[in-house]
Protein backbone atom coordinates (compact mmCIF):
# COMPACT_ATOMS: atom_id res chain seq x y z
CA MET A 1 0.00 0.00 0.00
CA LYS A 2 2.81 2.37 0.89
CA THR A 3 4.54 1.57 -2.40
CA LYS A 4 1.40 2.48 -4.36
CA GLU A 5 1.06 5.73 -2.42
CA LYS A 6 4.70 6.60 -3.13
CA LYS A 7 4.26 5.91 -6.83
CA LYS A 8 1.11 8.00 -6.87
CA GLN A 9 2.85 10.88 -5.10
CA PHE A 10 5.85 10.61 -7.43
CA LEU A 11 3.57 10.75 -10.47
CA LYS A 12 1.74 13.72 -8.99
CA ASN A 13 5.01 15.59 -8.34
CA THR A 14 6.30 14.78 -11.83
CA LEU A 15 3.15 16.10 -13.49
CA PHE A 16 3.32 19.21 -11.31
CA PHE A 17 6.90 19.98 -12.37
CA ILE A 18 6.07 19.40 -16.02
CA LEU A 19 3.25 21.93 -15.64
CA LEU A 20 5.62 24.28 -13.82
CA ILE A 21 8.23 24.09 -16.59
CA PHE A 22 5.53 24.60 -19.23
CA SER A 23 4.24 27.67 -17.34
CA TYR A 24 7.65 29.34 -17.22
CA ALA A 25 8.22 28.57 -20.90
CA ILE A 26 4.87 30.18 -21.82
CA ILE A 27 5.81 33.23 -19.74
CA GLY A 28 9.12 33.39 -21.63
CA ILE A 29 7.32 33.29 -24.97
CA ILE A 30 4.96 36.08 -23.87
CA PHE A 31 7.72 38.32 -22.52
CA THR A 32 9.83 37.90 -25.66
CA TYR A 33 6.99 38.36 -28.14
CA PRO A 34 7.14 38.54 -31.18
CA LEU A 35 10.29 36.38 -31.14
CA ILE A 36 8.20 33.19 -31.42
CA LYS A 37 6.91 34.35 -34.83
CA VAL A 38 10.41 34.55 -36.32
CA PHE A 39 12.12 31.94 -34.13
CA ASN A 40 14.13 30.43 -37.01
CA THR A 41 15.26 33.62 -38.73
CA HIS A 42 15.75 36.48 -36.22
CA VAL A 43 17.37 37.06 -32.83
CA PRO A 44 16.78 39.76 -30.20
CA ASN A 45 19.27 42.58 -30.64
CA ASN A 46 17.98 44.88 -27.94
CA TYR A 47 14.98 45.12 -25.68
CA PHE A 48 12.69 47.49 -27.56
CA GLN A 49 12.56 48.79 -31.08
CA GLU A 50 12.86 52.40 -29.96
CA ALA A 51 15.97 51.74 -27.89
CA GLU A 52 19.44 52.99 -28.72
CA HIS A 53 21.80 50.62 -30.58
CA THR A 54 19.07 48.68 -32.39
CA ASN A 55 21.62 47.33 -34.84
CA ASP A 56 22.64 44.17 -36.64
CA TRP A 57 25.74 43.99 -34.46
CA GLY A 58 26.31 44.16 -30.72
CA ASP A 59 26.55 41.92 -27.68
CA HIS A 60 23.93 39.50 -29.03
CA VAL A 61 26.28 38.76 -31.94
CA GLN A 62 29.10 38.10 -29.48
CA VAL A 63 26.95 35.48 -27.75
CA ILE A 64 26.44 33.56 -30.98
CA GLY A 65 30.09 33.91 -31.94
CA GLY A 66 31.02 32.81 -28.42
CA PHE A 67 29.14 29.52 -28.40
CA LEU A 68 30.14 28.72 -32.00
CA GLU A 69 33.78 29.27 -31.04
CA HIS A 70 33.31 27.20 -27.83
CA LYS A 71 31.84 24.31 -29.80
CA LYS A 72 34.68 24.48 -32.34
CA THR A 73 37.27 24.39 -29.56
CA ILE A 74 35.67 21.27 -28.05
CA ILE A 75 35.55 19.52 -31.41
CA ASN A 76 39.17 20.43 -32.18
CA PHE A 77 40.30 19.18 -28.79
CA PHE A 78 38.58 15.80 -28.97
CA THR A 79 39.51 15.23 -32.62
CA ASN A 80 43.15 15.98 -31.75
CA LYS A 81 43.56 18.76 -34.30
CA PRO A 82 47.09 20.23 -34.14
CA ILE A 83 46.03 23.85 -34.76
CA TYR A 84 44.58 24.74 -31.36
CA GLU A 85 46.40 28.08 -31.49
CA LYS A 86 43.96 29.24 -34.17
CA GLU A 87 41.33 29.31 -31.43
CA PHE A 88 43.42 31.71 -29.36
CA CYS A 89 45.64 33.92 -31.47
CA PHE A 90 45.02 37.43 -32.68
CA SER A 91 48.62 38.19 -33.47
CA GLU A 92 51.95 36.56 -34.26
CA ILE A 93 52.01 33.01 -32.96
CA GLU A 94 54.86 33.65 -30.51
CA TYR A 95 52.57 35.98 -28.54
CA CYS A 96 50.15 33.11 -28.03
CA GLN A 97 52.67 30.80 -26.40
CA VAL A 98 52.52 29.89 -22.74
CA GLY A 99 56.19 30.03 -21.83
CA LYS A 100 59.06 30.58 -24.22
CA GLY A 101 59.08 28.17 -27.10
CA THR A 102 56.04 26.25 -25.85
CA ASP A 103 52.78 25.82 -27.76
CA ILE A 104 49.41 26.44 -26.16
CA SER A 105 49.16 23.73 -23.52
CA THR A 106 46.35 21.26 -23.02
CA GLY A 107 45.69 22.92 -19.67
CA TRP A 108 44.93 26.27 -21.27
CA ILE A 109 42.65 24.66 -23.82
CA LEU A 110 40.74 22.83 -21.08
CA LYS A 111 40.53 26.06 -19.11
CA LYS A 112 38.93 27.75 -22.06
CA ILE A 113 36.50 24.88 -22.59
CA ILE A 114 35.49 24.40 -18.93
CA PHE A 115 35.18 28.02 -17.86
CA SER A 116 32.83 29.14 -20.61
CA ALA A 117 29.55 30.93 -20.12
CA TYR A 118 28.14 29.20 -23.19
CA TRP A 119 27.75 25.57 -22.09
CA GLY A 120 23.98 25.61 -22.48
CA GLN A 121 24.06 27.12 -25.96
CA THR A 122 26.93 24.90 -27.06
CA ALA A 123 25.02 21.75 -26.08
CA LEU A 124 21.97 22.94 -27.99
CA ASN A 125 24.09 23.91 -30.99
CA PHE A 126 25.06 20.27 -31.53
CA VAL A 127 21.39 19.76 -32.44
CA PHE A 128 20.06 23.13 -33.64
CA ASP A 129 21.37 25.87 -35.92
CA PRO A 130 22.88 29.01 -34.27
CA ILE A 131 19.76 31.20 -34.49
CA VAL A 132 17.40 28.57 -33.05
CA THR A 133 20.03 27.72 -30.42
CA ASN A 134 20.25 31.34 -29.31
CA ASN A 135 16.48 31.79 -29.12
CA LEU A 136 15.82 28.44 -27.47
CA TRP A 137 18.35 29.22 -24.75
CA ILE A 138 16.63 32.55 -24.10
CA ILE A 139 13.33 30.73 -23.47
CA LEU A 140 15.09 28.07 -21.39
CA SER A 141 16.58 30.82 -19.20
CA PHE A 142 13.02 31.64 -18.08
CA VAL A 143 12.53 27.98 -17.13
CA LEU A 144 15.88 27.66 -15.33
CA SER A 145 15.41 30.90 -13.40
CA GLY A 146 11.83 29.93 -12.56
CA VAL A 147 12.43 26.37 -11.38
CA THR A 148 15.43 27.29 -9.23
CA ALA A 149 13.57 30.29 -7.77
CA PHE A 150 10.55 28.06 -7.06
CA LEU A 151 12.69 25.52 -5.17
CA PHE A 152 14.37 28.36 -3.28
CA ALA A 153 10.96 29.79 -2.30
CA ARG A 154 9.81 26.36 -1.09
CA LEU A 155 12.40 26.59 1.68
CA PHE A 156 10.24 29.35 3.18
CA THR A 157 6.76 27.96 2.54
CA LYS A 158 5.03 24.64 2.02
CA SER A 159 2.61 26.24 -0.42
CA ASN A 160 3.34 25.65 -4.11
CA THR A 161 1.07 28.57 -4.91
CA ILE A 162 3.10 31.01 -2.82
CA ALA A 163 6.37 29.58 -4.15
CA PHE A 164 5.21 30.10 -7.73
CA ILE A 165 4.15 33.70 -7.04
CA ALA A 166 7.50 34.43 -5.35
CA SER A 167 9.45 32.87 -8.22
CA LEU A 168 8.05 35.30 -10.78
CA PHE A 169 10.44 38.12 -9.91
CA PRO A 170 13.68 36.44 -11.11
CA VAL A 171 11.79 35.10 -14.14
CA ILE A 172 10.27 38.32 -15.47
CA GLY A 173 12.12 41.08 -13.66
CA PRO A 174 13.07 43.74 -16.26
CA GLY A 175 16.58 43.91 -14.81
CA ARG A 176 17.20 40.33 -15.94
CA ILE A 177 15.23 40.36 -19.20
CA HIS A 178 16.83 43.59 -20.45
CA HIS A 179 20.31 42.11 -20.10
CA LEU A 180 19.21 38.73 -21.44
CA LEU A 181 17.79 40.12 -24.68
CA VAL A 182 20.63 42.54 -25.24
CA GLY A 183 23.06 39.61 -25.13
CA HIS A 184 24.57 39.83 -21.62
CA ARG A 185 25.41 36.54 -19.95
CA ASN A 186 24.26 37.83 -16.55
CA GLY A 187 20.74 37.56 -17.96
CA TRP A 188 20.92 33.77 -18.12
CA LEU A 189 23.48 32.98 -15.37
CA LEU A 190 21.05 34.05 -12.65
CA TYR A 191 19.86 30.48 -12.09
CA LEU A 192 23.36 29.56 -10.84
CA PHE A 193 23.24 32.40 -8.32
CA ILE A 194 19.83 31.14 -7.16
CA ILE A 195 21.33 27.66 -6.72
CA ILE A 196 23.92 29.25 -4.42
CA LEU A 197 21.11 30.87 -2.41
CA PHE A 198 19.27 27.55 -2.22
CA LEU A 199 22.31 25.53 -1.12
CA VAL A 200 23.45 28.04 1.49
CA GLU A 201 19.94 28.38 2.93
CA THR A 202 19.64 24.58 3.04
CA GLU A 203 23.03 24.26 4.74
CA VAL A 204 22.30 26.78 7.49
CA ARG A 205 18.83 25.40 8.26
CA LYS A 206 19.25 21.63 8.11
CA LYS A 207 21.56 19.41 10.12
CA LEU A 208 23.44 17.95 7.20
CA LYS A 209 26.17 15.46 7.99
CA GLY A 210 29.07 13.77 6.29
CA GLY A 211 29.25 13.39 2.54
CA LEU A 212 26.10 15.38 1.71
CA ARG A 213 27.34 18.46 3.53
CA TYR A 214 30.79 18.26 1.96
CA THR A 215 29.24 17.75 -1.47
CA ILE A 216 27.14 20.87 -1.06
CA TRP A 217 30.16 22.93 -0.04
CA LEU A 218 32.27 21.61 -2.91
CA PHE A 219 29.45 22.50 -5.30
CA ILE A 220 29.22 26.02 -3.82
CA SER A 221 33.00 26.45 -4.14
CA GLY A 222 32.90 25.16 -7.71
CA ILE A 223 30.24 27.67 -8.77
CA MET A 224 32.19 30.49 -7.12
CA VAL A 225 35.34 29.52 -9.02
CA TYR A 226 33.29 29.34 -12.22
CA PHE A 227 31.95 32.85 -11.54
CA SER A 228 35.51 34.15 -11.11
CA PHE A 229 36.15 33.26 -14.76
CA VAL A 230 32.85 34.01 -16.49
CA GLU A 231 31.23 36.86 -14.50
CA PRO A 232 33.31 38.28 -11.62
CA PHE A 233 30.56 40.47 -10.18
CA TYR A 234 28.45 37.34 -9.66
CA LEU A 235 31.36 36.06 -7.57
CA MET A 236 31.45 39.31 -5.60
CA TYR A 237 27.74 39.33 -4.71
CA GLY A 238 27.83 35.57 -4.12
CA LEU A 239 30.61 35.89 -1.56
CA ILE A 240 28.83 38.77 0.19
CA PHE A 241 25.70 36.60 0.51
CA LEU A 242 27.65 33.52 1.56
CA PHE A 243 29.47 35.17 4.45
CA SER A 244 26.64 37.40 5.62
CA ARG A 245 23.95 34.69 5.57
CA ILE A 246 26.03 32.21 7.57
CA ALA A 247 27.16 34.85 10.07
CA TRP A 248 23.57 36.09 10.51
CA ASN A 249 22.30 32.55 11.03
CA ASP A 250 24.96 31.79 13.65
CA LEU A 251 24.59 35.05 15.55
CA PHE A 252 20.85 35.76 15.43
CA GLU A 253 19.00 32.57 14.48
CA LYS A 254 20.95 29.78 16.16
CA LYS A 255 22.67 32.13 18.62
CA ILE A 256 25.75 29.94 18.86
CA PHE A 257 27.38 32.28 21.38
CA ILE A 258 24.84 31.14 24.02
CA ASN A 259 25.86 27.48 23.86
CA LEU A 260 29.11 27.62 21.94
CA LYS A 261 30.64 24.52 23.53
CA SER A 262 28.15 22.07 22.01
CA LYS A 263 28.25 23.80 18.59
CA ILE A 264 31.94 24.57 18.31
CA LEU A 265 32.89 21.71 15.94
CA PRO A 266 30.18 22.24 13.27
CA THR A 267 30.76 25.99 13.51
CA ILE A 268 34.52 25.66 12.94
CA THR A 269 33.90 23.21 10.07
CA ARG A 270 31.50 25.61 8.39
CA TYR A 271 33.88 28.56 8.59
CA LEU A 272 36.76 26.45 7.33
CA TRP A 273 34.62 25.70 4.27
CA LEU A 274 33.97 29.43 3.91
CA VAL A 275 37.70 30.11 3.96
CA PHE A 276 38.24 27.30 1.45
CA THR A 277 35.62 28.79 -0.88
CA LEU A 278 37.10 32.28 -0.63
CA ALA A 279 40.65 30.97 -1.17
CA SER A 280 39.57 28.92 -4.19
CA ALA A 281 37.86 31.90 -5.80
CA TRP A 282 40.79 34.19 -5.02
CA MET A 283 43.35 31.78 -6.51
CA ALA A 284 41.19 31.23 -9.59
CA THR A 285 40.92 34.98 -10.11
CA LYS A 286 44.68 35.43 -9.73
CA TRP A 287 45.40 32.54 -12.11
CA HIS A 288 42.93 33.93 -14.61
CA ARG A 289 44.64 37.33 -14.66
CA ALA A 290 48.22 36.06 -14.44
CA SER A 291 47.75 33.92 -17.54
CA LYS A 292 48.02 36.97 -19.82
CA LEU A 293 45.17 35.48 -21.77
CA GLN A 294 42.80 38.00 -20.23
CA GLU A 295 44.30 41.45 -19.92
CA SER A 296 41.27 43.66 -20.44
CA ILE A 297 40.69 46.69 -18.26
CA LEU A 298 37.46 45.27 -16.88
CA ALA A 299 39.07 41.97 -15.89
CA GLU A 300 42.04 43.70 -14.30
CA GLY A 301 40.50 46.58 -12.41
CA GLY A 302 36.84 47.00 -13.22
CA ARG A 303 35.32 50.28 -14.33
CA THR A 304 36.57 53.60 -13.03
CA LEU A 305 34.34 55.71 -10.79
CA GLU A 306 34.10 58.26 -13.60
CA GLU A 307 32.61 55.60 -15.90
CA ILE A 308 30.31 54.38 -13.17
CA THR A 309 28.80 57.86 -12.85
CA ARG A 310 26.84 57.47 -16.08
CA TYR A 311 25.68 53.99 -15.01
CA SER A 312 24.23 55.17 -11.70
CA PRO A 313 20.40 55.19 -11.90
CA GLU A 314 18.26 57.73 -10.08
CA LEU A 315 16.05 56.64 -7.18
CA LYS A 316 12.84 57.26 -9.13
CA LEU A 317 13.73 54.46 -11.57
CA PHE A 318 12.73 51.88 -8.95
CA TRP A 319 9.10 52.69 -9.79
CA THR A 320 9.48 54.41 -13.19
CA ARG A 321 9.71 52.27 -16.32
CA ASN A 322 12.95 52.69 -18.24
CA ILE A 323 12.74 50.70 -21.45
CA TYR A 324 15.59 52.29 -23.36
CA ASP A 325 18.78 51.62 -21.37
CA HIS A 326 19.42 48.22 -19.83
CA GLU A 327 22.29 49.56 -17.69
CA LEU A 328 19.91 51.95 -15.91
CA ASN A 329 17.01 49.55 -15.45
CA ILE A 330 16.26 48.97 -11.77
CA TYR A 331 12.45 48.89 -12.10
CA ILE A 332 10.86 46.25 -9.83
CA GLY A 333 7.17 47.01 -10.24
CA ILE A 334 4.96 45.79 -7.40
CA GLY A 335 8.12 44.62 -5.62
CA ILE A 336 8.29 48.07 -3.99
CA VAL A 337 4.90 47.45 -2.35
CA ILE A 338 6.02 44.02 -1.13
CA ILE A 339 9.21 45.45 0.41
CA ILE A 340 7.32 48.22 2.22
CA THR A 341 4.70 45.73 3.50
CA ALA A 342 7.42 43.34 4.70
CA VAL A 343 9.27 46.11 6.55
CA PHE A 344 6.04 46.92 8.42
CA LEU A 345 4.96 43.34 9.21
CA VAL A 346 8.37 41.90 10.15
CA TRP A 347 7.91 43.33 13.65
CA PHE A 348 4.86 41.09 14.22
CA MET A 349 6.45 37.82 13.09
CA LYS A 350 7.64 35.04 15.37
CA SER A 351 11.31 34.85 16.32
CA ARG A 352 12.82 32.47 13.71
CA GLN A 353 10.63 33.79 10.89
CA LYS A 354 11.38 37.35 11.99
CA GLN A 355 15.13 36.78 11.90
CA ARG A 356 15.04 35.27 8.43
CA MET A 357 12.87 38.05 7.06
CA SER A 358 15.11 40.64 8.73
CA TYR A 359 18.21 39.22 7.03
CA TYR A 360 16.70 39.11 3.55
CA LEU A 361 15.23 42.57 3.97
CA LEU A 362 18.60 44.00 5.01
CA PHE A 363 20.48 42.21 2.25
CA GLY A 364 17.84 43.20 -0.31
CA ILE A 365 17.91 46.84 0.76
CA LEU A 366 21.72 46.79 0.53
CA LEU A 367 21.47 45.56 -3.08
CA LEU A 368 18.91 48.27 -3.86
CA ILE A 369 21.24 50.90 -2.44
CA LEU A 370 24.20 49.50 -4.40
CA SER A 371 22.17 49.54 -7.61
CA LEU A 372 21.97 53.34 -7.32
CA GLY A 373 25.74 53.57 -7.70
CA ILE A 374 27.38 56.82 -6.66
CA ASN A 375 24.00 58.42 -5.98
CA THR A 376 24.61 57.13 -2.45
CA PRO A 377 27.94 57.15 -0.53
CA VAL A 378 27.75 53.39 0.11
CA TYR A 379 28.82 52.27 -3.36
CA GLU A 380 31.80 54.61 -3.53
CA PHE A 381 32.95 53.57 -0.05
CA LEU A 382 32.84 49.86 -0.92
CA TYR A 383 34.45 50.52 -4.30
CA LYS A 384 37.45 52.20 -2.68
CA ASN A 385 37.82 50.00 0.40
CA VAL A 386 36.61 46.45 -0.33
CA PRO A 387 38.81 44.14 -2.45
CA MET A 388 37.23 43.00 -5.75
CA PHE A 389 34.29 45.38 -5.38
CA ASN A 390 35.48 47.31 -8.44
CA LEU A 391 34.50 44.22 -10.46
CA SER A 392 30.85 45.11 -9.98
CA ARG A 393 30.85 46.37 -13.60
CA THR A 394 27.81 48.67 -13.46
CA PRO A 395 25.87 49.41 -10.26
CA SER A 396 22.44 48.66 -11.73
CA ARG A 397 23.39 45.00 -12.19
CA ALA A 398 22.94 44.56 -8.44
CA ILE A 399 19.20 44.59 -9.20
CA ILE A 400 19.58 41.22 -10.94
CA HIS A 401 20.74 39.68 -7.66
CA PHE A 402 18.03 41.51 -5.77
CA LEU A 403 15.30 39.68 -7.71
CA PRO A 404 15.80 36.24 -6.04
CA ILE A 405 16.20 37.99 -2.69
CA LEU A 406 12.76 39.47 -3.37
CA THR A 407 11.61 35.88 -3.95
CA ALA A 408 12.59 34.97 -0.38
CA ILE A 409 10.95 38.10 1.04
CA THR A 410 7.72 37.44 -0.90
CA ALA A 411 7.59 33.78 0.16
CA ILE A 412 8.12 34.59 3.84
CA LEU A 413 5.60 37.46 3.74
CA PHE A 414 2.82 35.57 1.95
CA ASN A 415 3.37 32.49 4.09
CA TYR A 416 2.92 34.68 7.16
CA LEU A 417 -0.28 36.21 5.74
CA LYS A 418 -1.61 32.76 4.85
CA ARG A 419 -1.16 31.60 8.44
CA LEU A 420 -3.06 34.65 9.62
CA THR A 421 -6.00 33.71 7.40
CA ILE A 422 -5.95 30.13 8.69
CA ASN A 423 -5.94 31.36 12.27
CA ASN A 424 -8.98 33.43 11.43
CA LYS A 425 -10.59 30.32 9.82
CA ILE A 426 -10.67 31.82 6.35
CA LYS A 427 -10.10 28.57 4.48
CA SER A 428 -12.14 29.02 1.36
CA ASN A 429 -10.36 27.54 -1.65
CA LEU A 430 -12.21 29.96 -3.88
CA LEU A 431 -10.93 32.92 -1.86
CA GLN A 432 -7.37 31.59 -1.98
CA PHE A 433 -7.64 31.10 -5.74
CA ILE A 434 -8.90 34.67 -6.23
CA ILE A 435 -6.06 36.02 -4.09
CA PHE A 436 -3.54 33.97 -6.10
CA LEU A 437 -5.01 35.21 -9.38
CA VAL A 438 -5.01 38.85 -8.32
CA ILE A 439 -1.44 38.79 -6.97
CA THR A 440 -0.02 36.88 -9.95
CA THR A 441 -1.76 39.18 -12.41
CA SER A 442 -0.55 42.25 -10.50
CA ILE A 443 3.08 41.08 -10.61
CA ILE A 444 2.96 40.20 -14.31
CA ILE A 445 1.19 43.40 -15.37
CA SER A 446 3.47 45.56 -13.23
CA LEU A 447 6.56 44.10 -14.91
CA TYR A 448 5.31 43.74 -18.48
CA ASN A 449 5.98 46.68 -20.80
CA PHE A 450 3.50 45.96 -23.62
CA LYS A 451 6.00 46.84 -26.34
CA SER A 452 7.49 44.65 -29.05
CA ILE A 453 11.12 43.73 -28.55
CA SER A 454 13.64 44.55 -31.26
CA LEU A 455 14.63 41.69 -33.57
CA ALA A 456 17.20 41.43 -36.34
CA ARG A 457 18.54 39.03 -38.92
CA LEU A 458 22.19 38.04 -38.64
CA PRO A 459 24.47 38.85 -41.56
CA ASP A 460 25.52 35.90 -43.69
CA LEU A 461 29.23 35.66 -42.97
CA GLU A 462 29.96 32.17 -44.25
CA VAL A 463 32.53 32.85 -46.97
CA ASP A 464 34.60 30.57 -49.17
CA SER A 465 37.46 32.96 -49.85
CA ILE A 466 39.17 32.63 -46.45
CA GLU A 467 41.80 29.92 -46.07
CA PRO A 468 43.23 28.39 -42.85
CA GLN A 469 46.62 30.08 -43.25
CA ASP A 470 45.12 33.56 -43.67
CA LYS A 471 45.89 36.44 -41.29
CA ILE A 472 42.86 38.74 -41.17
CA LEU A 473 42.58 42.43 -40.36
CA TYR A 474 39.07 43.73 -39.72
CA LEU A 475 38.16 47.31 -40.58
CA PRO A 476 37.22 49.58 -38.99
CA ILE A 477 39.72 49.27 -36.15
CA THR A 478 37.73 50.53 -33.19
CA HIS A 479 39.10 50.39 -29.66
CA GLY A 480 39.42 46.91 -28.19
CA GLY A 481 36.30 45.51 -26.61
CA HIS A 482 33.82 47.87 -28.27
CA PHE A 483 30.60 46.05 -29.01
CA PHE A 484 30.91 46.78 -32.73
CA THR A 485 33.92 44.45 -32.83
CA THR A 486 31.72 41.58 -31.59
CA ILE A 487 30.71 41.00 -35.19
CA TYR A 488 34.37 40.19 -35.89
CA GLU A 489 34.24 37.39 -33.34
CA TYR A 490 31.01 36.14 -34.90
CA ASN A 491 32.64 36.24 -38.33
CA LEU A 492 35.77 34.45 -37.11
CA ALA A 493 33.64 31.67 -35.61
CA TYR A 494 32.72 30.65 -39.16
CA LEU A 495 36.30 30.82 -40.41
CA ASP A 496 39.35 28.65 -39.84
CA ALA A 497 41.85 31.49 -39.76
CA VAL A 498 43.62 33.94 -37.44
CA ALA A 499 42.62 37.57 -36.89
CA ILE A 500 44.67 40.30 -35.22
CA ASN A 501 41.75 42.39 -33.96
CA GLY A 502 38.18 41.94 -32.81
CA ASP A 503 36.56 40.50 -29.69
CA HIS A 504 37.47 37.19 -28.11
CA PRO A 505 36.96 35.47 -24.74
CA TYR A 506 40.72 34.88 -24.29
CA GLU A 507 42.92 37.74 -25.40
CA PRO A 508 46.73 37.60 -25.58
CA LEU A 509 48.67 40.60 -24.35
CA ALA A 510 49.68 41.45 -27.92
CA PHE A 511 46.00 42.00 -28.70
CA HIS A 512 45.94 44.94 -26.28
CA ASN A 513 49.33 46.18 -27.44
CA PHE A 514 47.91 46.30 -30.95
CA TYR A 515 44.92 48.38 -29.87
CA ALA A 516 47.13 50.64 -27.79
CA GLU A 517 49.00 51.54 -30.96
CA TYR A 518 46.31 51.45 -33.65
CA GLY A 519 42.88 51.33 -32.06
CA VAL A 520 40.72 54.45 -32.19
CA PRO A 521 37.52 55.32 -30.32
CA LEU A 522 34.43 54.57 -32.36
CA ASN A 523 33.60 58.22 -32.89
CA ALA A 524 37.11 59.63 -33.05
CA GLY A 525 38.81 58.80 -36.32
CA TRP A 526 40.03 56.33 -38.91
CA VAL A 527 43.31 54.49 -39.34
CA ASN A 528 45.36 56.32 -41.96
CA THR A 529 47.10 54.86 -45.00
CA GLN A 530 50.55 54.90 -43.41
CA GLU A 531 49.30 53.02 -40.36
CA LEU A 532 47.41 50.53 -42.50
CA ASN A 533 50.51 49.75 -44.54
CA LYS A 534 52.52 49.28 -41.36
CA ILE A 535 49.91 46.85 -39.95
CA ILE A 536 49.92 44.83 -43.16
CA GLU A 537 53.70 44.55 -43.11
CA ASP A 538 54.20 44.02 -39.37
CA TYR A 539 51.46 41.39 -38.99
CA HIS A 540 51.79 39.75 -42.41
CA ILE A 541 48.15 40.39 -43.26
CA THR A 542 46.78 38.31 -46.14
CA LYS A 543 43.10 39.34 -46.05
CA ILE A 544 41.26 42.51 -45.02
CA ILE A 545 37.54 42.41 -44.28
CA VAL A 546 35.79 45.79 -44.38
CA PHE A 547 32.33 45.97 -42.83
CA LYS A 548 30.07 48.36 -44.70
CA ASP A 549 27.62 48.64 -41.83
CA TYR A 550 30.08 50.94 -40.10
CA TYR A 551 29.51 53.57 -42.78
CA ASN A 552 25.84 52.97 -43.50
CA ASN A 553 24.26 52.61 -40.07
CA PRO A 554 22.44 55.86 -39.24
CA LYS A 555 22.85 55.34 -35.49
CA ILE A 556 26.64 55.75 -35.63
CA GLU A 557 27.70 59.33 -35.13
CA PHE A 558 31.28 58.99 -36.42
CA VAL A 559 31.72 59.71 -40.11
CA PRO A 560 35.35 59.41 -41.30
CA GLU A 561 36.84 62.30 -43.22
CA GLU A 562 36.21 61.85 -46.92
CA THR A 563 39.93 62.11 -47.63
CA GLU A 564 40.64 59.36 -45.09
CA ILE A 565 38.13 57.01 -46.69
CA ASN A 566 39.44 57.79 -50.15
CA ASP A 567 43.03 57.16 -49.05
CA VAL A 568 42.09 53.77 -47.61
CA LYS A 569 40.06 52.82 -50.66
CA THR A 570 42.84 53.96 -52.94
CA MET A 571 45.37 51.89 -51.05
CA LEU A 572 43.13 48.80 -50.94
CA ASN A 573 42.22 49.10 -54.59
CA SER A 574 45.84 49.51 -55.63
CA SER A 575 48.15 46.76 -56.77
CA LYS A 576 48.54 45.63 -53.15
CA ALA A 577 44.95 44.46 -52.78
CA ASN A 578 42.15 43.02 -54.84
CA ILE A 579 38.47 42.65 -54.05
CA ILE A 580 37.75 38.92 -54.01
CA GLU A 581 34.27 38.98 -52.48
CA GLU A 582 31.61 41.58 -51.76
CA ASP A 583 28.01 41.63 -50.60
CA GLU A 584 25.73 44.02 -48.76
CA ASP A 585 27.51 43.45 -45.42
CA PHE A 586 31.25 43.43 -46.18
CA ILE A 587 34.08 43.56 -48.70
CA ILE A 588 36.98 41.09 -48.62
CA TYR A 589 40.35 42.23 -49.96
CA SER A 590 43.22 39.90 -50.70
CA ILE A 591 46.70 41.35 -50.06
CA LYS A 592 49.29 40.43 -52.65
């Protein structure tokens, strides 16, 4: 009889999770509309059609180039191809050596493969074409964020209804969706951060012993190390949560200082694991930077305070829709009402529930303050005095981490209100259903913008005129890391050749030396004929690919001097170069 009941319960739970996954997928389709209508031909290239930088190039192109390049690296590695360096080099091959006279090692190749943000897309790309892969992963990010947030919420309530309501914020919060659709990895990596929240909350609340506890801590440490490679500010906020949640639990919930003798061993063990996690992340970060395969300004020192000024949203944007700039989007809709209600009601909660709510409120409010950047003194103080805090990229990204914290606050709050209704004998299923419907609808409507997202076709960059031994120069040469150069990475993903400029996940030091000498700001100027000749000679260029979109796109302010363009065209059309391929997107020159 018990076996039958277990099977019945298992079937019931399975059907529930299938329905849950389907619900999050439907929400994803709604919030990315009209993507579903052109799923096989277009990709999101910004959030809304009226937004700035609604172009055929940008961070979304880098994502596709990134997972294509990741897949190619895996295939090359397991098929034992001898030209691994083509996956790394942007300059002369000696710059891409690890140690004098040594080729790229297997360790560096494995590092590149393992610590990639594109594992999900790469797996899908073995089955689907790049465009479908990109769009399918966007929808799956709604499911992954939703399911992990639901499980996290269930730690605070036994009600599936409340857990589902609470999970909506990480799923449909504009802070996440804006970054997701613009092509930022932090838009889809949120589910890993929620897993950290779930594991830490489980560890501090349950008496886990032996192998299970060690497994959880190893998994936490592994994710932190992964963050140190793929998204350092996720590591930063993860460590802040990890240390603060455990310390709060020990001091205010379990109150270990009252009976320290009986709790000394598990307490010491826990803090040793904390130190191990911090040390692992620190060593990974140091190794990552010391490799000279990642020398960008952002990886080395983060953004300057001067840059952060323009990425510091005003307070009013918490409740004012901002659909045009993803780096200033901190809108949380009805979440403001939930926070205010929780701050008022926390004083009436019972001890353990009160302490948990107090922690998540304080941590959530800290993230809200940090998201305002230098509009408060807190961010600047932490930036100047706390190690690694300068890796926070842009302040508004703290709102992404606030969304699952809002999940915990919502779950605790609604669970408390539900108990009040039970105590007052209000048990009507109809009433509970109406409340669920009203709250869910309020959250969705408050976060939905009712505008069509911007979609674009990708340029056809599969060309036959590039050979494996070619050395490519892309024009225009903008400064390193500018999002226009992401289309170069996308282009290179289709080619079996080496380029000396563009975007790439692993960048040799020579790449930055090149930009220091030749790179120009996007709106500042054009490489002159003398410089172009020097580049061709110094780097043994065999092909030059000129992207026409740079000239034709009306959203780009920079227009090169007519004499500069003519000089370049004259040089390229001279006896030194011939046009071997041309279409509406680019021209390919062959250097004799």
